[in-house]
C-alpha atoms as a PDB file:
ATOM      1  CA  MET A   1       0.238   0.126   0.120  1.00  0.00           C
ATOM      2  CA  SER A   2       1.240   3.596  -0.777  1.00  0.00           C
ATOM      3  CA  ASP A   3       2.355   5.740   2.061  1.00  0.00           C
ATOM      4  CA  SER A   4       0.577   8.765   0.237  1.00  0.00           C
ATOM      5  CA  LYS A   5      -2.679   9.610   2.713  1.00  0.00           C
ATOM      6  CA  LYS A   6      -3.927  11.628  -0.448  1.00  0.00           C
ATOM      7  CA  PHE A   7      -4.369   8.383  -2.453  1.00  0.00           C
ATOM      8  CA  THR A   8      -6.381   5.288  -1.583  1.00  0.00           C
ATOM      9  CA  VAL A   9      -7.851   2.275  -3.462  1.00  0.00           C
ATOM     10  CA  ARG A  10     -11.460   1.905  -2.679  1.00  0.00           C
ATOM     11  CA  THR A  11     -13.330  -1.626  -3.422  1.00  0.00           C
ATOM     12  CA  ILE A  12     -17.367  -1.975  -4.677  1.00  0.00           C
ATOM     13  CA  GLU A  13     -19.507  -4.859  -4.716  1.00  0.00           C
ATOM     14  CA  LYS A  14     -21.898  -3.987  -8.721  1.00  0.00           C
ATOM     15  CA  ARG A  15     -24.008  -5.894  -9.599  1.00  0.00           C
ATOM     16  CA  ASN A  16     -21.713  -7.653 -12.717  1.00  0.00           C
ATOM     17  CA  GLY A  17     -18.884  -8.260 -10.057  1.00  0.00           C
ATOM     18  CA  TRP A  18     -16.379  -5.236  -8.410  1.00  0.00           C
ATOM     19  CA  CYS A  19     -14.826  -2.267  -8.702  1.00  0.00           C
ATOM     20  CA  ALA A  20     -11.850  -0.718  -7.538  1.00  0.00           C
ATOM     21  CA  GLU A  21     -11.224   3.115  -7.714  1.00  0.00           C
ATOM     22  CA  ILE A  22      -8.215   5.086  -7.031  1.00  0.00           C
ATOM     23  CA  VAL A  23     -10.173   7.795  -4.612  1.00  0.00           C
ATOM     24  CA  ARG A  24      -7.883  11.111  -3.920  1.00  0.00           C
ATOM     25  CA  GLN A  25      -8.639  12.811  -1.251  1.00  0.00           C
ATOM     26  CA  VAL A  26      -9.658  16.564  -2.769  1.00  0.00           C
ATOM     27  CA  THR A  27     -10.818  18.500   1.345  1.00  0.00           C
ATOM     28  CA  SER A  28     -11.215  16.527   4.337  1.00  0.00           C
ATOM     29  CA  ARG A  29     -14.845  16.481   3.475  1.00  0.00           C
ATOM     30  CA  ARG A  30     -14.519  15.498  -0.301  1.00  0.00           C
ATOM     31  CA  THR A  31     -12.976  13.122  -1.870  1.00  0.00           C
ATOM     32  CA  THR A  32     -13.266  11.989  -6.050  1.00  0.00           C
ATOM     33  CA  VAL A  33     -12.270   9.238  -7.758  1.00  0.00           C
ATOM     34  CA  SER A  34      -9.402   9.435 -10.740  1.00  0.00           C
ATOM     35  CA  LYS A  35      -8.938   6.037 -11.908  1.00  0.00           C
ATOM     36  CA  ARG A  36     -12.038   2.722 -12.150  1.00  0.00           C
ATOM     37  CA  GLU A  37     -11.933  -0.544 -13.285  1.00  0.00           C
ATOM     38  CA  MET A  38     -14.798  -3.109 -13.170  1.00  0.00           C
ATOM     39  CA  GLY A  39     -15.599  -6.207 -13.376  1.00  0.00           C
ATOM     40  CA  PHE A  40     -13.806  -8.496 -11.510  1.00  0.00           C
ATOM     41  CA  GLU A  41     -14.974 -11.396 -10.250  1.00  0.00           C
ATOM     42  CA  THR A  42     -13.430 -11.807  -6.868  1.00  0.00           C
ATOM     43  CA  GLU A  43     -12.754  -8.534  -4.321  1.00  0.00           C
ATOM     44  CA  ALA A  44      -8.952  -9.794  -3.931  1.00  0.00           C
ATOM     45  CA  GLN A  45      -8.611  -9.403  -7.913  1.00  0.00           C
ATOM     46  CA  ALA A  46     -10.172  -5.959  -7.489  1.00  0.00           C
ATOM     47  CA  GLN A  47      -7.730  -4.987  -4.091  1.00  0.00           C
ATOM     48  CA  ALA A  48      -4.210  -6.399  -5.790  1.00  0.00           C
ATOM     49  CA  TRP A  49      -5.620  -4.236  -9.325  1.00  0.00           C
ATOM     50  CA  GLY A  50      -6.007  -1.157  -7.380  1.00  0.00           C
ATOM     51  CA  GLU A  51      -3.090  -1.562  -5.103  1.00  0.00           C
ATOM     52  CA  LYS A  52      -0.465  -2.415  -8.068  1.00  0.00           C
ATOM     53  CA  GLU A  53      -2.021   0.677 -10.431  1.00  0.00           C
ATOM     54  CA  LEU A  54      -2.073   3.260  -7.118  1.00  0.00           C
ATOM     55  CA  GLU A  55       1.558   2.485  -6.903  1.00  0.00           C
ATOM     56  CA  GLY A  56       1.962   3.539 -10.462  1.00  0.00           C
ATOM     57  CA  PHE A  57      -0.322   6.589 -10.161  1.00  0.00           C
ATOM     58  CA  VAL A  58       1.659   8.230  -7.513  1.00  0.00           C
ATOM     59  CA  LYS A  59       4.499   7.723  -9.257  1.00  0.00           C
ATOM     60  CA  THR A  60       3.331   9.729 -12.424  1.00  0.00           C
ATOM     61  CA  GLN A  61       1.684  12.277  -9.833  1.00  0.00           C
ATOM     62  CA  VAL A  62       5.114  13.039  -8.234  1.00  0.00           C
ATOM     63  CA  GLU A  63       6.975  13.219 -11.986  1.00  0.00           C
ATOM     64  CA  ARG A  64       4.274  15.408 -12.867  1.00  0.00           C
ATOM     65  CA  ASN A  65       4.791  17.847 -10.038  1.00  0.00           C
ATOM     66  CA  LYS A  66       8.378  18.118 -10.585  1.00  0.00           C
ATOM     67  CA  ARG A  67       7.667  18.692 -14.614  1.00  0.00           C
ATOM     68  CA  LYS A  68       5.534  21.880 -13.204  1.00  0.00           C
ATOM     69  CA  ALA A  69       7.383  22.750 -10.039  1.00  0.00           C
ATOM     70  CA  ALA A  70      10.149  23.048 -12.782  1.00  0.00           C
ATOM     71  CA  ASP A  71       7.811  24.745 -15.709  1.00  0.00           C
ATOM     72  CA  ARG A  72       6.796  27.599 -12.173  1.00  0.00           C
ATOM     73  CA  LYS A  73      10.777  28.048 -11.861  1.00  0.00           C
ATOM     74  CA  SER A  74      11.813  28.810 -14.636  1.00  0.00           C
ATOM     75  CA  GLU A  75       8.733  31.136 -15.552  1.00  0.00           C
ATOM     76  CA  ASP A  76       9.842  33.473 -12.920  1.00  0.00           C
END
């Protein structure tokens, strides 16, 4: 699981199977779904997918934030 408190994995049972979501904590009261995959046969499969994707998702966000910070510095 990620060390980040901002992103978590949530699994939900739907009619046609399980759904895994990467959820971002926007504020203390509000969350939003950043990525979703549906159609898993078991909760364990959905959880495994979510944890694997979360690792890559957070890594991508960190790289994006570094690029944006560098762009802001170069504009000044």
